[in-house]
Amino acid sequence: GKAHYRGVETGLDYTVKWFTASMNYTFTDQVNRTDKDLKFVDVPRHKVNIFLTAEPFRKLQLRADMNYNSKRYSSSDGSTSVPGFALFNVSAQHTFCHSLTARVGVNNLFDKLYYVKEGYPQPGRMFYASLRYNFVLH
């Protein structure tokens, strides 16, 4: 068959002293030229990502982000789809020395029930903590 794909992706970053805001937007248009009734699956038409990062003190980074995906089809006949969703995540990271970094955070902060594919719910609110040590050989 024949298909037509087009889209646009744009981004914007703004930094002032210890604060950075970033946003990107993606628009994807897919048309089945052979059979207009057949839908493309698993690709949202709109996606938005927003990131806010603050470094109020040396070696401390605070981050918040939001990810939005619009509705997407789960079946090619268009009979099933999953609704759009927005997820919010927050984290804090501290670097103790050149090689040791600790991070804590929460993904899906508001415990949103969402699907990327119909029938497969994604994880709810998740807390995490991590330590990372980089070995540097000279």
C-alpha atoms as a PDB file:
ATOM      1  CA  GLY A   1       0.000   0.000   0.000  1.00  0.00           C
ATOM      2  CA  LYS A   2       0.865   3.664  -0.057  1.00  0.00           C
ATOM      3  CA  ALA A   3       1.088   6.006   2.883  1.00  0.00           C
ATOM      4  CA  HIS A   4       1.874   9.650   3.462  1.00  0.00           C
ATOM      5  CA  TYR A   5       3.839  10.704   6.550  1.00  0.00           C
ATOM      6  CA  ARG A   6       4.554  14.259   7.569  1.00  0.00           C
ATOM      7  CA  GLY A   7       5.274  16.099  10.745  1.00  0.00           C
ATOM      8  CA  VAL A   8       7.172  18.749  12.555  1.00  0.00           C
ATOM      9  CA  GLU A   9       9.250  18.810  15.699  1.00  0.00           C
ATOM     10  CA  THR A  10      10.311  21.972  17.451  1.00  0.00           C
ATOM     11  CA  GLY A  11      12.018  22.799  20.691  1.00  0.00           C
ATOM     12  CA  LEU A  12      12.756  25.784  22.868  1.00  0.00           C
ATOM     13  CA  ASP A  13      15.276  26.219  25.691  1.00  0.00           C
ATOM     14  CA  TYR A  14      15.605  29.119  28.088  1.00  0.00           C
ATOM     15  CA  THR A  15      18.327  29.495  30.707  1.00  0.00           C
ATOM     16  CA  VAL A  16      18.732  32.197  33.311  1.00  0.00           C
ATOM     17  CA  LYS A  17      21.493  31.826  35.896  1.00  0.00           C
ATOM     18  CA  TRP A  18      20.709  28.573  37.749  1.00  0.00           C
ATOM     19  CA  PHE A  19      17.355  27.786  36.097  1.00  0.00           C
ATOM     20  CA  THR A  20      16.633  26.105  32.745  1.00  0.00           C
ATOM     21  CA  ALA A  21      13.282  25.542  31.056  1.00  0.00           C
ATOM     22  CA  SER A  22      12.991  23.352  27.964  1.00  0.00           C
ATOM     23  CA  MET A  23      10.048  22.340  25.827  1.00  0.00           C
ATOM     24  CA  ASN A  24       9.660  20.302  22.684  1.00  0.00           C
ATOM     25  CA  TYR A  25       6.597  19.542  20.579  1.00  0.00           C
ATOM     26  CA  THR A  26       6.104  16.871  17.930  1.00  0.00           C
ATOM     27  CA  PHE A  27       3.236  16.709  15.440  1.00  0.00           C
ATOM     28  CA  THR A  28       2.899  13.549  13.335  1.00  0.00           C
ATOM     29  CA  ASP A  29       0.365  13.155  10.543  1.00  0.00           C
ATOM     30  CA  GLN A  30      -0.018   9.739   8.914  1.00  0.00           C
ATOM     31  CA  VAL A  31      -2.428   9.029   6.073  1.00  0.00           C
ATOM     32  CA  ASN A  32      -3.019   5.635   4.515  1.00  0.00           C
ATOM     33  CA  ARG A  33      -3.366   6.491   0.803  1.00  0.00           C
ATOM     34  CA  THR A  34      -4.438   2.989  -0.175  1.00  0.00           C
ATOM     35  CA  ASP A  35      -7.256   2.606   2.373  1.00  0.00           C
ATOM     36  CA  LYS A  36      -8.291   5.735   4.299  1.00  0.00           C
ATOM     37  CA  ASP A  37     -10.243   3.585   6.802  1.00  0.00           C
ATOM     38  CA  LEU A  38      -7.089   1.804   8.015  1.00  0.00           C
ATOM     39  CA  LYS A  39      -5.438   3.621  10.925  1.00  0.00           C
ATOM     40  CA  PHE A  40      -1.801   3.635  11.922  1.00  0.00           C
ATOM     41  CA  VAL A  41      -1.311   2.275  15.440  1.00  0.00           C
ATOM     42  CA  ASP A  42       0.860   3.216  18.419  1.00  0.00           C
ATOM     43  CA  VAL A  43       1.766   6.745  17.250  1.00  0.00           C
ATOM     44  CA  PRO A  44       0.198   9.774  18.944  1.00  0.00           C
ATOM     45  CA  ARG A  45      -0.576  12.776  16.746  1.00  0.00           C
ATOM     46  CA  HIS A  46       0.768  15.229  19.365  1.00  0.00           C
ATOM     47  CA  LYS A  47       3.580  14.914  21.917  1.00  0.00           C
ATOM     48  CA  VAL A  48       4.779  17.594  24.323  1.00  0.00           C
ATOM     49  CA  ASN A  49       7.701  17.395  26.758  1.00  0.00           C
ATOM     50  CA  ILE A  50       8.474  20.140  29.269  1.00  0.00           C
ATOM     51  CA  PHE A  51      11.527  20.103  31.544  1.00  0.00           C
ATOM     52  CA  LEU A  52      12.337  22.487  34.392  1.00  0.00           C
ATOM     53  CA  THR A  53      15.768  22.205  35.982  1.00  0.00           C
ATOM     54  CA  ALA A  54      17.101  24.262  38.862  1.00  0.00           C
ATOM     55  CA  GLU A  55      20.566  24.203  40.384  1.00  0.00           C
ATOM     56  CA  PRO A  56      20.115  26.490  43.404  1.00  0.00           C
ATOM     57  CA  PHE A  57      23.324  25.276  45.071  1.00  0.00           C
ATOM     58  CA  ARG A  58      26.520  23.873  43.692  1.00  0.00           C
ATOM     59  CA  LYS A  59      26.209  20.106  43.140  1.00  0.00           C
ATOM     60  CA  LEU A  60      22.404  20.051  43.755  1.00  0.00           C
ATOM     61  CA  GLN A  61      20.004  19.653  40.836  1.00  0.00           C
ATOM     62  CA  LEU A  62      16.195  19.728  41.105  1.00  0.00           C
ATOM     63  CA  ARG A  63      14.145  18.622  38.122  1.00  0.00           C
ATOM     64  CA  ALA A  64      10.481  18.473  37.165  1.00  0.00           C
ATOM     65  CA  ASP A  65       9.131  17.284  33.846  1.00  0.00           C
ATOM     66  CA  MET A  66       5.809  16.732  32.125  1.00  0.00           C
ATOM     67  CA  ASN A  67       5.230  14.386  29.192  1.00  0.00           C
ATOM     68  CA  TYR A  68       1.995  14.565  27.183  1.00  0.00           C
ATOM     69  CA  ASN A  69       0.865  12.119  24.491  1.00  0.00           C
ATOM     70  CA  SER A  70      -2.416  12.534  22.634  1.00  0.00           C
ATOM     71  CA  LYS A  71      -4.786   9.675  21.806  1.00  0.00           C
ATOM     72  CA  ARG A  72      -3.390   6.816  19.736  1.00  0.00           C
ATOM     73  CA  TYR A  73      -5.075   3.962  17.902  1.00  0.00           C
ATOM     74  CA  SER A  74      -4.584   0.414  19.147  1.00  0.00           C
ATOM     75  CA  SER A  75      -6.226  -1.293  16.189  1.00  0.00           C
ATOM     76  CA  SER A  76      -5.871  -0.554  12.509  1.00  0.00           C
ATOM     77  CA  ASP A  77      -9.638  -0.431  11.966  1.00  0.00           C
ATOM     78  CA  GLY A  78      -9.876   2.435  14.482  1.00  0.00           C
ATOM     79  CA  SER A  79     -12.279   0.554  16.754  1.00  0.00           C
ATOM     80  CA  THR A  80      -9.942   0.708  19.763  1.00  0.00           C
ATOM     81  CA  SER A  81      -7.719   3.483  20.970  1.00  0.00           C
ATOM     82  CA  VAL A  82      -6.131   4.673  24.172  1.00  0.00           C
ATOM     83  CA  PRO A  83      -6.806   8.171  25.479  1.00  0.00           C
ATOM     84  CA  GLY A  84      -4.141  10.814  25.755  1.00  0.00           C
ATOM     85  CA  PHE A  85      -2.266  11.246  29.005  1.00  0.00           C
ATOM     86  CA  ALA A  86       0.112  13.588  30.801  1.00  0.00           C
ATOM     87  CA  LEU A  87       2.707  12.351  33.272  1.00  0.00           C
ATOM     88  CA  PHE A  88       4.585  14.409  35.838  1.00  0.00           C
ATOM     89  CA  ASN A  89       7.947  13.410  37.306  1.00  0.00           C
ATOM     90  CA  VAL A  90      10.205  15.066  39.891  1.00  0.00           C
ATOM     91  CA  SER A  91      13.734  14.333  41.087  1.00  0.00           C
ATOM     92  CA  ALA A  92      16.614  15.698  43.120  1.00  0.00           C
ATOM     93  CA  GLN A  93      20.246  14.861  42.499  1.00  0.00           C
ATOM     94  CA  HIS A  94      23.316  15.656  44.568  1.00  0.00           C
ATOM     95  CA  THR A  95      26.924  15.114  43.537  1.00  0.00           C
ATOM     96  CA  PHE A  96      29.076  14.446  46.586  1.00  0.00           C
ATOM     97  CA  CYS A  97      32.414  14.315  44.847  1.00  0.00           C
ATOM     98  CA  HIS A  98      33.579  13.964  41.271  1.00  0.00           C
ATOM     99  CA  SER A  99      32.512  10.347  41.129  1.00  0.00           C
ATOM    100  CA  LEU A 100      29.596   9.813  43.571  1.00  0.00           C
ATOM    101  CA  THR A 101      26.054  10.967  42.753  1.00  0.00           C
ATOM    102  CA  ALA A 102      22.809  10.282  44.634  1.00  0.00           C
ATOM    103  CA  ARG A 103      19.378  10.718  43.112  1.00  0.00           C
ATOM    104  CA  VAL A 104      15.834  10.392  44.482  1.00  0.00           C
ATOM    105  CA  GLY A 105      12.611  10.935  42.623  1.00  0.00           C
ATOM    106  CA  VAL A 106       9.041  10.108  41.824  1.00  0.00           C
ATOM    107  CA  ASN A 107       7.780   9.045  38.392  1.00  0.00           C
ATOM    108  CA  ASN A 108       4.071   9.428  37.567  1.00  0.00           C
ATOM    109  CA  LEU A 109       3.717  11.782  40.529  1.00  0.00           C
ATOM    110  CA  PHE A 110      -0.100  11.954  40.451  1.00  0.00           C
ATOM    111  CA  ASP A 111      -0.508   8.170  40.004  1.00  0.00           C
ATOM    112  CA  LYS A 112      -2.213   8.547  36.618  1.00  0.00           C
ATOM    113  CA  LEU A 113      -3.712   5.388  35.127  1.00  0.00           C
ATOM    114  CA  TYR A 114      -2.587   5.424  31.501  1.00  0.00           C
ATOM    115  CA  TYR A 115      -2.081   3.110  28.561  1.00  0.00           C
ATOM    116  CA  VAL A 116       0.338   3.158  25.664  1.00  0.00           C
ATOM    117  CA  LYS A 117      -1.372   0.078  24.214  1.00  0.00           C
ATOM    118  CA  GLU A 118      -4.927  -0.956  25.025  1.00  0.00           C
ATOM    119  CA  GLY A 119      -5.101  -3.626  27.713  1.00  0.00           C
ATOM    120  CA  TYR A 120      -1.591  -2.979  29.054  1.00  0.00           C
ATOM    121  CA  PRO A 121      -1.733  -0.415  31.866  1.00  0.00           C
ATOM    122  CA  GLN A 122       1.546   1.308  32.634  1.00  0.00           C
ATOM    123  CA  PRO A 123       3.119   1.588  36.093  1.00  0.00           C
ATOM    124  CA  GLY A 124       1.550   3.911  38.646  1.00  0.00           C
ATOM    125  CA  ARG A 125       3.478   6.181  40.975  1.00  0.00           C
ATOM    126  CA  MET A 126       7.033   4.933  41.453  1.00  0.00           C
ATOM    127  CA  PHE A 127       9.541   6.167  44.004  1.00  0.00           C
ATOM    128  CA  TYR A 128      13.200   5.538  43.362  1.00  0.00           C
ATOM    129  CA  ALA A 129      16.621   6.187  44.834  1.00  0.00           C
ATOM    130  CA  SER A 130      19.962   5.545  43.232  1.00  0.00           C
ATOM    131  CA  LEU A 131      23.672   5.906  43.874  1.00  0.00           C
ATOM    132  CA  ARG A 132      26.113   6.121  41.023  1.00  0.00           C
ATOM    133  CA  TYR A 133      29.853   5.885  41.265  1.00  0.00           C
ATOM    134  CA  ASN A 134      32.021   6.496  38.220  1.00  0.00           C
ATOM    135  CA  PHE A 135      35.361   4.738  38.199  1.00  0.00           C
ATOM    136  CA  VAL A 136      37.984   6.834  36.493  1.00  0.00           C
ATOM    137  CA  LEU A 137      41.209   5.155  35.463  1.00  0.00           C
ATOM    138  CA  HIS A 138      44.264   7.282  34.800  1.00  0.00           C
END
